């Protein structure tokens, strides 16, 4: 079996978990898996967002990894092989030539071919480790626009107030109004912002969107809420989508005003740093 998929470097993106399931299934039948490795468009150095806490694995995170994991799809499959104690002969990774961990997508010189409809450009990839958290809320993550995850908001938000409420290193928040053509708030005028990343190496999307979500919740007049529909095969009453995405209930508690934002960001940074060390044995590119 050959796996040739362009991952985007975020735990939520399900390509790598589909690959992991196929690897496990093939190995149980004595079939070799060959992974044609591809660049992580976010690079292989920076790690953000703590791994999931016990009980919060799902199809947006089948194994405990950081939100922005800084690994290639080949490295993650290698990690799965090791964690599952699969035979060495069950997996071969065909490595890339010329890729360095410090490279962002713009450094590769490769054209971007969108791997899914809502990942239209490398700009989307830059914000996705934080922007995908919006899927767990009643805010529009910009699906139904041409710039999903970069553009976001809701009918009950003011883009002007939101842009003034938080300052993000490495990015500019541009207030706007938009009308999603489908998905959340389809056909309704939403106030919000577009996140323009101006310094990709300084921008930290996970922390940035956590802070922006807090500002949105505070400015919503009580209208901010959670996704109620099932998310990636899990019912909301079992585990809310926001908990699956964040890897635990801590972010939801902060957004409800029951916990401290700074403490959460410190915990997330500590978890990410620990994962950066844990992943070392599985890295194919030093």
C-alpha atoms as a PDB file:
ATOM      1  CA  UNK A   1       0.000   0.000   0.000  1.00  0.00           C
ATOM      2  CA  UNK A   2       1.331   3.425  -0.965  1.00  0.00           C
ATOM      3  CA  UNK A   3       0.444   6.594   0.959  1.00  0.00           C
ATOM      4  CA  UNK A   4       1.047   9.855  -0.896  1.00  0.00           C
ATOM      5  CA  UNK A   5      -0.768  12.635   0.984  1.00  0.00           C
ATOM      6  CA  UNK A   6       0.024  16.285   1.676  1.00  0.00           C
ATOM      7  CA  UNK A   7      -0.478  16.868   5.400  1.00  0.00           C
ATOM      8  CA  UNK A   8      -0.718  20.412   6.805  1.00  0.00           C
ATOM      9  CA  UNK A   9       1.105  20.030  10.123  1.00  0.00           C
ATOM     10  CA  UNK A  10      -1.845  20.286  12.547  1.00  0.00           C
ATOM     11  CA  UNK A  11      -3.208  17.543  14.804  1.00  0.00           C
ATOM     12  CA  UNK A  12      -6.783  18.151  13.649  1.00  0.00           C
ATOM     13  CA  UNK A  13      -6.131  17.391   9.984  1.00  0.00           C
ATOM     14  CA  UNK A  14      -7.283  13.826   9.439  1.00  0.00           C
ATOM     15  CA  UNK A  15      -5.045  12.787   6.543  1.00  0.00           C
ATOM     16  CA  UNK A  16      -2.345  11.499   8.887  1.00  0.00           C
ATOM     17  CA  UNK A  17      -4.832   9.608  11.068  1.00  0.00           C
ATOM     18  CA  UNK A  18      -6.305   7.940   7.995  1.00  0.00           C
ATOM     19  CA  UNK A  19      -2.737   6.953   7.104  1.00  0.00           C
ATOM     20  CA  UNK A  20      -2.196   5.604  10.639  1.00  0.00           C
ATOM     21  CA  UNK A  21      -5.371   3.503  10.482  1.00  0.00           C
ATOM     22  CA  UNK A  22      -4.347   2.115   7.085  1.00  0.00           C
ATOM     23  CA  UNK A  23      -0.848   1.341   8.380  1.00  0.00           C
ATOM     24  CA  UNK A  24      -2.254  -0.595  11.324  1.00  0.00           C
ATOM     25  CA  UNK A  25      -4.761  -2.445   9.154  1.00  0.00           C
ATOM     26  CA  UNK A  26      -2.187  -3.348   6.505  1.00  0.00           C
ATOM     27  CA  UNK A  27       0.321  -4.506   9.137  1.00  0.00           C
ATOM     28  CA  UNK A  28      -2.280  -6.845  10.668  1.00  0.00           C
ATOM     29  CA  UNK A  29      -2.525  -8.552   7.267  1.00  0.00           C
ATOM     30  CA  UNK A  30       1.193  -8.667   6.557  1.00  0.00           C
ATOM     31  CA  UNK A  31       1.017  -5.930   3.912  1.00  0.00           C
ATOM     32  CA  UNK A  32       3.847  -3.395   3.667  1.00  0.00           C
ATOM     33  CA  UNK A  33       3.029   0.317   3.687  1.00  0.00           C
ATOM     34  CA  UNK A  34       5.207   2.739   1.749  1.00  0.00           C
ATOM     35  CA  UNK A  35       4.897   6.431   2.637  1.00  0.00           C
ATOM     36  CA  UNK A  36       6.101   8.947   0.076  1.00  0.00           C
ATOM     37  CA  UNK A  37       7.098  11.718   2.451  1.00  0.00           C
ATOM     38  CA  UNK A  38       6.201  15.363   1.861  1.00  0.00           C
ATOM     39  CA  UNK A  39       7.128  18.659   3.545  1.00  0.00           C
ATOM     40  CA  UNK A  40       5.367  19.872   6.638  1.00  0.00           C
ATOM     41  CA  UNK A  41       4.284  23.312   5.344  1.00  0.00           C
ATOM     42  CA  UNK A  42       4.673  24.758   8.866  1.00  0.00           C
ATOM     43  CA  UNK A  43       8.241  23.514   9.150  1.00  0.00           C
ATOM     44  CA  UNK A  44       9.673  20.978  11.540  1.00  0.00           C
ATOM     45  CA  UNK A  45      11.014  23.145  14.374  1.00  0.00           C
ATOM     46  CA  UNK A  46       8.188  25.007  16.145  1.00  0.00           C
ATOM     47  CA  UNK A  47       5.791  22.982  18.294  1.00  0.00           C
ATOM     48  CA  UNK A  48       2.581  24.459  19.747  1.00  0.00           C
ATOM     49  CA  UNK A  49      -0.335  23.270  21.832  1.00  0.00           C
ATOM     50  CA  UNK A  50      -0.183  20.450  24.371  1.00  0.00           C
ATOM     51  CA  UNK A  51      -1.009  16.844  23.446  1.00  0.00           C
ATOM     52  CA  UNK A  52      -4.435  15.512  24.406  1.00  0.00           C
ATOM     53  CA  UNK A  53      -5.237  14.639  27.960  1.00  0.00           C
ATOM     54  CA  UNK A  54      -6.441  11.071  28.775  1.00  0.00           C
ATOM     55  CA  UNK A  55      -9.855  10.353  27.301  1.00  0.00           C
ATOM     56  CA  UNK A  56      -9.739  13.016  24.581  1.00  0.00           C
ATOM     57  CA  UNK A  57      -8.391  11.121  21.601  1.00  0.00           C
ATOM     58  CA  UNK A  58     -10.572  11.186  18.488  1.00  0.00           C
ATOM     59  CA  UNK A  59     -10.317  11.250  14.713  1.00  0.00           C
ATOM     60  CA  UNK A  60      -8.886  14.780  15.081  1.00  0.00           C
ATOM     61  CA  UNK A  61      -6.089  13.235  17.170  1.00  0.00           C
ATOM     62  CA  UNK A  62      -5.783   9.435  17.293  1.00  0.00           C
ATOM     63  CA  UNK A  63      -2.453   9.633  19.128  1.00  0.00           C
ATOM     64  CA  UNK A  64      -1.217  12.105  21.730  1.00  0.00           C
ATOM     65  CA  UNK A  65       0.632  14.758  19.745  1.00  0.00           C
ATOM     66  CA  UNK A  66       0.947  18.530  19.940  1.00  0.00           C
ATOM     67  CA  UNK A  67      -1.475  20.644  17.924  1.00  0.00           C
ATOM     68  CA  UNK A  68       1.331  21.985  15.738  1.00  0.00           C
ATOM     69  CA  UNK A  69       3.523  18.908  15.864  1.00  0.00           C
ATOM     70  CA  UNK A  70       6.347  19.861  13.520  1.00  0.00           C
ATOM     71  CA  UNK A  71       6.536  16.362  11.997  1.00  0.00           C
ATOM     72  CA  UNK A  72       6.141  15.050   8.482  1.00  0.00           C
ATOM     73  CA  UNK A  73       3.534  12.442   7.604  1.00  0.00           C
ATOM     74  CA  UNK A  74       6.362   9.916   7.265  1.00  0.00           C
ATOM     75  CA  UNK A  75       7.658  10.727  10.739  1.00  0.00           C
ATOM     76  CA  UNK A  76       4.198  10.435  12.254  1.00  0.00           C
ATOM     77  CA  UNK A  77       3.679   7.041  10.616  1.00  0.00           C
ATOM     78  CA  UNK A  78       7.099   6.022  11.965  1.00  0.00           C
ATOM     79  CA  UNK A  79       5.927   7.103  15.422  1.00  0.00           C
ATOM     80  CA  UNK A  80       2.733   5.047  15.078  1.00  0.00           C
ATOM     81  CA  UNK A  81       4.761   2.014  14.026  1.00  0.00           C
ATOM     82  CA  UNK A  82       6.931   2.379  17.138  1.00  0.00           C
ATOM     83  CA  UNK A  83       4.025   3.024  19.516  1.00  0.00           C
ATOM     84  CA  UNK A  84       2.103   0.025  18.170  1.00  0.00           C
ATOM     85  CA  UNK A  85       5.227  -2.183  18.193  1.00  0.00           C
ATOM     86  CA  UNK A  86       4.694  -3.083  14.550  1.00  0.00           C
ATOM     87  CA  UNK A  87       7.400  -5.007  12.756  1.00  0.00           C
ATOM     88  CA  UNK A  88      10.025  -2.855  11.058  1.00  0.00           C
ATOM     89  CA  UNK A  89       9.236  -4.454   7.711  1.00  0.00           C
ATOM     90  CA  UNK A  90       5.650  -3.160   7.801  1.00  0.00           C
ATOM     91  CA  UNK A  91       6.682   0.413   6.978  1.00  0.00           C
ATOM     92  CA  UNK A  92       9.036   2.083   4.542  1.00  0.00           C
ATOM     93  CA  UNK A  93       9.286   5.863   4.334  1.00  0.00           C
ATOM     94  CA  UNK A  94      10.711   7.258   1.111  1.00  0.00           C
ATOM     95  CA  UNK A  95      12.472  10.393   2.381  1.00  0.00           C
ATOM     96  CA  UNK A  96      12.494  13.797   0.750  1.00  0.00           C
ATOM     97  CA  UNK A  97      15.629  15.269  -0.774  1.00  0.00           C
ATOM     98  CA  UNK A  98      16.664  18.751   0.270  1.00  0.00           C
ATOM     99  CA  UNK A  99      14.059  19.358   2.973  1.00  0.00           C
ATOM    100  CA  UNK A 100      15.247  20.970   6.195  1.00  0.00           C
ATOM    101  CA  UNK A 101      13.261  21.306   9.400  1.00  0.00           C
ATOM    102  CA  UNK A 102      13.613  25.097   9.296  1.00  0.00           C
ATOM    103  CA  UNK A 103      11.744  25.337   5.977  1.00  0.00           C
ATOM    104  CA  UNK A 104       8.281  26.832   5.713  1.00  0.00           C
ATOM    105  CA  UNK A 105       6.300  26.090   2.560  1.00  0.00           C
ATOM    106  CA  UNK A 106       7.524  29.284   0.911  1.00  0.00           C
ATOM    107  CA  UNK A 107      11.110  28.031   1.290  1.00  0.00           C
ATOM    108  CA  UNK A 108      10.502  24.821  -0.664  1.00  0.00           C
ATOM    109  CA  UNK A 109       9.889  26.455  -4.043  1.00  0.00           C
ATOM    110  CA  UNK A 110       7.032  23.992  -4.637  1.00  0.00           C
ATOM    111  CA  UNK A 111       3.612  24.998  -5.970  1.00  0.00           C
ATOM    112  CA  UNK A 112       0.724  24.648  -3.528  1.00  0.00           C
ATOM    113  CA  UNK A 113      -1.926  22.150  -4.615  1.00  0.00           C
ATOM    114  CA  UNK A 114      -4.861  22.398  -2.227  1.00  0.00           C
ATOM    115  CA  UNK A 115      -5.232  19.049  -0.404  1.00  0.00           C
ATOM    116  CA  UNK A 116      -8.875  19.790   0.495  1.00  0.00           C
ATOM    117  CA  UNK A 117     -11.408  22.478  -0.456  1.00  0.00           C
ATOM    118  CA  UNK A 118     -10.963  24.551   2.706  1.00  0.00           C
ATOM    119  CA  UNK A 119      -7.161  24.541   2.556  1.00  0.00           C
ATOM    120  CA  UNK A 120      -6.789  26.734  -0.529  1.00  0.00           C
ATOM    121  CA  UNK A 121      -3.395  28.305   0.124  1.00  0.00           C
ATOM    122  CA  UNK A 122      -0.297  28.226   2.360  1.00  0.00           C
ATOM    123  CA  UNK A 123      -1.791  31.280   4.104  1.00  0.00           C
ATOM    124  CA  UNK A 124      -4.629  29.058   5.326  1.00  0.00           C
ATOM    125  CA  UNK A 125      -2.116  26.529   6.629  1.00  0.00           C
ATOM    126  CA  UNK A 126      -0.352  29.226   8.676  1.00  0.00           C
ATOM    127  CA  UNK A 127      -3.470  30.029  10.705  1.00  0.00           C
ATOM    128  CA  UNK A 128      -5.050  26.564  10.809  1.00  0.00           C
ATOM    129  CA  UNK A 129      -3.429  25.322  14.086  1.00  0.00           C
ATOM    130  CA  UNK A 130      -5.473  28.009  15.842  1.00  0.00           C
ATOM    131  CA  UNK A 131      -8.242  28.676  13.349  1.00  0.00           C
ATOM    132  CA  UNK A 132      -9.624  25.155  13.484  1.00  0.00           C
ATOM    133  CA  UNK A 133     -10.614  25.730  17.136  1.00  0.00           C
ATOM    134  CA  UNK A 134     -13.452  27.869  15.763  1.00  0.00           C
ATOM    135  CA  UNK A 135     -15.123  24.673  14.555  1.00  0.00           C
ATOM    136  CA  UNK A 136     -15.937  23.840  18.173  1.00  0.00           C
ATOM    137  CA  UNK A 137     -17.878  27.093  18.650  1.00  0.00           C
ATOM    138  CA  UNK A 138     -20.893  28.854  17.137  1.00  0.00           C
ATOM    139  CA  UNK A 139     -18.578  31.313  15.370  1.00  0.00           C
ATOM    140  CA  UNK A 140     -18.115  31.063  11.614  1.00  0.00           C
ATOM    141  CA  UNK A 141     -14.624  29.840  10.763  1.00  0.00           C
ATOM    142  CA  UNK A 142     -15.024  31.354   7.304  1.00  0.00           C
ATOM    143  CA  UNK A 143     -16.328  28.273   5.529  1.00  0.00           C
ATOM    144  CA  UNK A 144     -18.421  29.635   2.719  1.00  0.00           C
ATOM    145  CA  UNK A 145     -15.840  32.333   1.988  1.00  0.00           C
ATOM    146  CA  UNK A 146     -12.727  32.168  -0.176  1.00  0.00           C
ATOM    147  CA  UNK A 147     -10.413  32.521   2.873  1.00  0.00           C
ATOM    148  CA  UNK A 148     -11.552  29.979   5.495  1.00  0.00           C
ATOM    149  CA  UNK A 149      -9.893  30.133   8.926  1.00  0.00           C
ATOM    150  CA  UNK A 150      -8.272  33.451   8.025  1.00  0.00           C
ATOM    151  CA  UNK A 151     -11.684  35.163   7.923  1.00  0.00           C
ATOM    152  CA  UNK A 152     -13.910  34.458  10.909  1.00  0.00           C
ATOM    153  CA  UNK A 153     -16.677  36.037  12.964  1.00  0.00           C
ATOM    154  CA  UNK A 154     -20.408  35.944  13.708  1.00  0.00           C
ATOM    155  CA  UNK A 155     -23.546  38.089  13.310  1.00  0.00           C
ATOM    156  CA  UNK A 156     -23.266  39.159  16.956  1.00  0.00           C
ATOM    157  CA  UNK A 157     -19.640  40.383  16.739  1.00  0.00           C
ATOM    158  CA  UNK A 158     -18.113  43.730  15.790  1.00  0.00           C
ATOM    159  CA  UNK A 159     -14.947  43.395  13.763  1.00  0.00           C
ATOM    160  CA  UNK A 160     -13.804  46.852  14.818  1.00  0.00           C
ATOM    161  CA  UNK A 161     -14.099  46.018  18.519  1.00  0.00           C
ATOM    162  CA  UNK A 162     -12.526  42.604  18.061  1.00  0.00           C
ATOM    163  CA  UNK A 163      -9.513  43.977  16.181  1.00  0.00           C
ATOM    164  CA  UNK A 164      -8.914  46.526  18.931  1.00  0.00           C
ATOM    165  CA  UNK A 165      -9.340  44.030  21.753  1.00  0.00           C
ATOM    166  CA  UNK A 166      -6.266  41.910  21.030  1.00  0.00           C
ATOM    167  CA  UNK A 167      -2.854  42.468  19.469  1.00  0.00           C
ATOM    168  CA  UNK A 168      -1.154  39.491  17.815  1.00  0.00           C
ATOM    169  CA  UNK A 169       2.589  39.241  17.219  1.00  0.00           C
ATOM    170  CA  UNK A 170       3.371  38.505  13.590  1.00  0.00           C
ATOM    171  CA  UNK A 171      -0.122  39.278  12.305  1.00  0.00           C
ATOM    172  CA  UNK A 172      -2.520  42.122  11.601  1.00  0.00           C
ATOM    173  CA  UNK A 173      -6.257  41.838  12.289  1.00  0.00           C
ATOM    174  CA  UNK A 174      -8.327  43.612   9.643  1.00  0.00           C
ATOM    175  CA  UNK A 175     -11.950  44.289  10.607  1.00  0.00           C
ATOM    176  CA  UNK A 176     -14.541  43.297   8.038  1.00  0.00           C
ATOM    177  CA  UNK A 177     -18.072  42.118   7.384  1.00  0.00           C
ATOM    178  CA  UNK A 178     -18.724  38.955   5.387  1.00  0.00           C
ATOM    179  CA  UNK A 179     -21.605  36.720   4.335  1.00  0.00           C
ATOM    180  CA  UNK A 180     -20.877  32.964   4.300  1.00  0.00           C
ATOM    181  CA  UNK A 181     -22.453  31.276   1.283  1.00  0.00           C
ATOM    182  CA  UNK A 182     -22.849  28.015   3.221  1.00  0.00           C
ATOM    183  CA  UNK A 183     -22.204  26.394   6.625  1.00  0.00           C
ATOM    184  CA  UNK A 184     -22.537  28.442   9.844  1.00  0.00           C
ATOM    185  CA  UNK A 185     -24.566  31.674   9.545  1.00  0.00           C
ATOM    186  CA  UNK A 186     -25.014  31.125   5.799  1.00  0.00           C
ATOM    187  CA  UNK A 187     -26.555  34.154   4.117  1.00  0.00           C
ATOM    188  CA  UNK A 188     -26.195  36.365   7.202  1.00  0.00           C
ATOM    189  CA  UNK A 189     -23.906  39.347   7.613  1.00  0.00           C
ATOM    190  CA  UNK A 190     -21.142  38.507  10.093  1.00  0.00           C
ATOM    191  CA  UNK A 191     -18.799  40.929  11.808  1.00  0.00           C
ATOM    192  CA  UNK A 192     -15.272  39.688  12.254  1.00  0.00           C
ATOM    193  CA  UNK A 193     -11.679  39.946  11.174  1.00  0.00           C
ATOM    194  CA  UNK A 194      -9.282  38.622   8.590  1.00  0.00           C
ATOM    195  CA  UNK A 195      -5.974  37.466  10.065  1.00  0.00           C
ATOM    196  CA  UNK A 196      -3.118  38.650   7.837  1.00  0.00           C
ATOM    197  CA  UNK A 197       0.125  36.899   8.832  1.00  0.00           C
ATOM    198  CA  UNK A 198       2.960  39.375   8.320  1.00  0.00           C
ATOM    199  CA  UNK A 199       5.818  37.493  10.039  1.00  0.00           C
ATOM    200  CA  UNK A 200       5.285  33.718   9.732  1.00  0.00           C
ATOM    201  CA  UNK A 201       8.276  32.773  11.875  1.00  0.00           C
ATOM    202  CA  UNK A 202       7.090  34.972  14.741  1.00  0.00           C
ATOM    203  CA  UNK A 203       3.384  34.152  14.448  1.00  0.00           C
ATOM    204  CA  UNK A 204       2.071  31.508  16.871  1.00  0.00           C
ATOM    205  CA  UNK A 205      -1.369  30.548  15.567  1.00  0.00           C
ATOM    206  CA  UNK A 206      -2.527  28.385  18.473  1.00  0.00           C
ATOM    207  CA  UNK A 207      -1.948  30.998  21.177  1.00  0.00           C
ATOM    208  CA  UNK A 208      -3.174  33.755  18.842  1.00  0.00           C
ATOM    209  CA  UNK A 209      -6.546  32.155  18.201  1.00  0.00           C
ATOM    210  CA  UNK A 210      -7.002  31.175  21.846  1.00  0.00           C
ATOM    211  CA  UNK A 211      -6.575  34.835  22.759  1.00  0.00           C
ATOM    212  CA  UNK A 212      -8.882  35.971  19.950  1.00  0.00           C
ATOM    213  CA  UNK A 213     -11.528  33.448  21.010  1.00  0.00           C
ATOM    214  CA  UNK A 214     -11.405  34.845  24.536  1.00  0.00           C
ATOM    215  CA  UNK A 215     -11.862  38.360  23.165  1.00  0.00           C
ATOM    216  CA  UNK A 216     -14.786  37.213  21.009  1.00  0.00           C
ATOM    217  CA  UNK A 217     -16.472  35.448  23.931  1.00  0.00           C
ATOM    218  CA  UNK A 218     -16.121  38.561  26.089  1.00  0.00           C
ATOM    219  CA  UNK A 219     -17.484  40.836  23.349  1.00  0.00           C
ATOM    220  CA  UNK A 220     -20.410  38.632  22.301  1.00  0.00           C
ATOM    221  CA  UNK A 221     -22.924  39.825  24.878  1.00  0.00           C
ATOM    222  CA  UNK A 222     -23.569  36.264  25.949  1.00  0.00           C
ATOM    223  CA  UNK A 223     -24.220  34.986  22.404  1.00  0.00           C
ATOM    224  CA  UNK A 224     -20.963  33.012  22.190  1.00  0.00           C
ATOM    225  CA  UNK A 225     -21.492  29.269  22.493  1.00  0.00           C
ATOM    226  CA  UNK A 226     -20.452  25.759  21.483  1.00  0.00           C
ATOM    227  CA  UNK A 227     -21.045  23.532  18.500  1.00  0.00           C
ATOM    228  CA  UNK A 228     -23.955  21.254  19.373  1.00  0.00           C
ATOM    229  CA  UNK A 229     -23.800  18.879  16.390  1.00  0.00           C
ATOM    230  CA  UNK A 230     -21.750  15.642  16.386  1.00  0.00           C
ATOM    231  CA  UNK A 231     -18.113  16.236  15.481  1.00  0.00           C
ATOM    232  CA  UNK A 232     -15.891  13.624  13.825  1.00  0.00           C
ATOM    233  CA  UNK A 233     -18.132  10.722  14.901  1.00  0.00           C
ATOM    234  CA  UNK A 234     -18.471  11.945  18.532  1.00  0.00           C
ATOM    235  CA  UNK A 235     -21.717  13.235  20.052  1.00  0.00           C
ATOM    236  CA  UNK A 236     -21.484  16.663  21.716  1.00  0.00           C
ATOM    237  CA  UNK A 237     -23.034  15.399  24.949  1.00  0.00           C
ATOM    238  CA  UNK A 238     -20.236  12.832  25.244  1.00  0.00           C
ATOM    239  CA  UNK A 239     -17.347  15.171  24.507  1.00  0.00           C
ATOM    240  CA  UNK A 240     -17.896  18.659  23.040  1.00  0.00           C
ATOM    241  CA  UNK A 241     -16.120  19.418  19.781  1.00  0.00           C
ATOM    242  CA  UNK A 242     -14.092  22.189  21.415  1.00  0.00           C
ATOM    243  CA  UNK A 243     -12.705  19.657  23.910  1.00  0.00           C
ATOM    244  CA  UNK A 244     -11.750  17.220  21.143  1.00  0.00           C
ATOM    245  CA  UNK A 245      -9.937  19.969  19.251  1.00  0.00           C
ATOM    246  CA  UNK A 246      -8.164  21.435  22.286  1.00  0.00           C
ATOM    247  CA  UNK A 247      -7.399  17.998  23.696  1.00  0.00           C
ATOM    248  CA  UNK A 248      -9.246  18.559  26.963  1.00  0.00           C
ATOM    249  CA  UNK A 249     -11.803  20.781  28.732  1.00  0.00           C
ATOM    250  CA  UNK A 250      -9.380  23.485  29.878  1.00  0.00           C
ATOM    251  CA  UNK A 251      -9.936  25.886  26.959  1.00  0.00           C
ATOM    252  CA  UNK A 252     -13.710  25.598  27.321  1.00  0.00           C
ATOM    253  CA  UNK A 253     -13.393  26.509  30.997  1.00  0.00           C
ATOM    254  CA  UNK A 254     -11.307  29.578  30.115  1.00  0.00           C
ATOM    255  CA  UNK A 255     -13.813  30.694  27.476  1.00  0.00           C
ATOM    256  CA  UNK A 256     -16.610  30.304  30.035  1.00  0.00           C
ATOM    257  CA  UNK A 257     -14.677  32.528  32.421  1.00  0.00           C
ATOM    258  CA  UNK A 258     -14.026  29.712  34.905  1.00  0.00           C
ATOM    259  CA  UNK A 259     -10.224  29.572  34.473  1.00  0.00           C
ATOM    260  CA  UNK A 260      -7.285  31.855  33.734  1.00  0.00           C
ATOM    261  CA  UNK A 261      -6.100  32.447  30.165  1.00  0.00           C
ATOM    262  CA  UNK A 262      -2.441  33.026  31.054  1.00  0.00           C
ATOM    263  CA  UNK A 263      -2.266  29.823  33.081  1.00  0.00           C
ATOM    264  CA  UNK A 264      -3.789  27.901  30.163  1.00  0.00           C
ATOM    265  CA  UNK A 265      -1.250  29.296  27.680  1.00  0.00           C
ATOM    266  CA  UNK A 266       1.584  28.376  30.058  1.00  0.00           C
ATOM    267  CA  UNK A 267       0.250  24.824  30.374  1.00  0.00           C
ATOM    268  CA  UNK A 268      -0.081  24.541  26.597  1.00  0.00           C
ATOM    269  CA  UNK A 269       3.491  25.770  26.094  1.00  0.00           C
ATOM    270  CA  UNK A 270       4.827  23.300  28.674  1.00  0.00           C
ATOM    271  CA  UNK A 271       2.956  20.421  27.032  1.00  0.00           C
ATOM    272  CA  UNK A 272       4.268  21.399  23.614  1.00  0.00           C
ATOM    273  CA  UNK A 273       7.849  21.562  24.919  1.00  0.00           C
ATOM    274  CA  UNK A 274       7.506  18.099  26.454  1.00  0.00           C
ATOM    275  CA  UNK A 275       6.197  16.694  23.169  1.00  0.00           C
ATOM    276  CA  UNK A 276       9.083  18.300  21.263  1.00  0.00           C
ATOM    277  CA  UNK A 277      11.404  16.075  23.326  1.00  0.00           C
ATOM    278  CA  UNK A 278       9.200  12.980  23.098  1.00  0.00           C
ATOM    279  CA  UNK A 279       9.121  13.104  19.296  1.00  0.00           C
ATOM    280  CA  UNK A 280      12.918  13.058  18.905  1.00  0.00           C
ATOM    281  CA  UNK A 281      13.315   9.269  18.458  1.00  0.00           C
ATOM    282  CA  UNK A 282      10.800   9.360  15.578  1.00  0.00           C
ATOM    283  CA  UNK A 283      12.364  12.189  13.553  1.00  0.00           C
ATOM    284  CA  UNK A 284      13.799  11.206  10.197  1.00  0.00           C
ATOM    285  CA  UNK A 285      15.276  14.624   9.388  1.00  0.00           C
ATOM    286  CA  UNK A 286      17.672  15.875  12.059  1.00  0.00           C
END
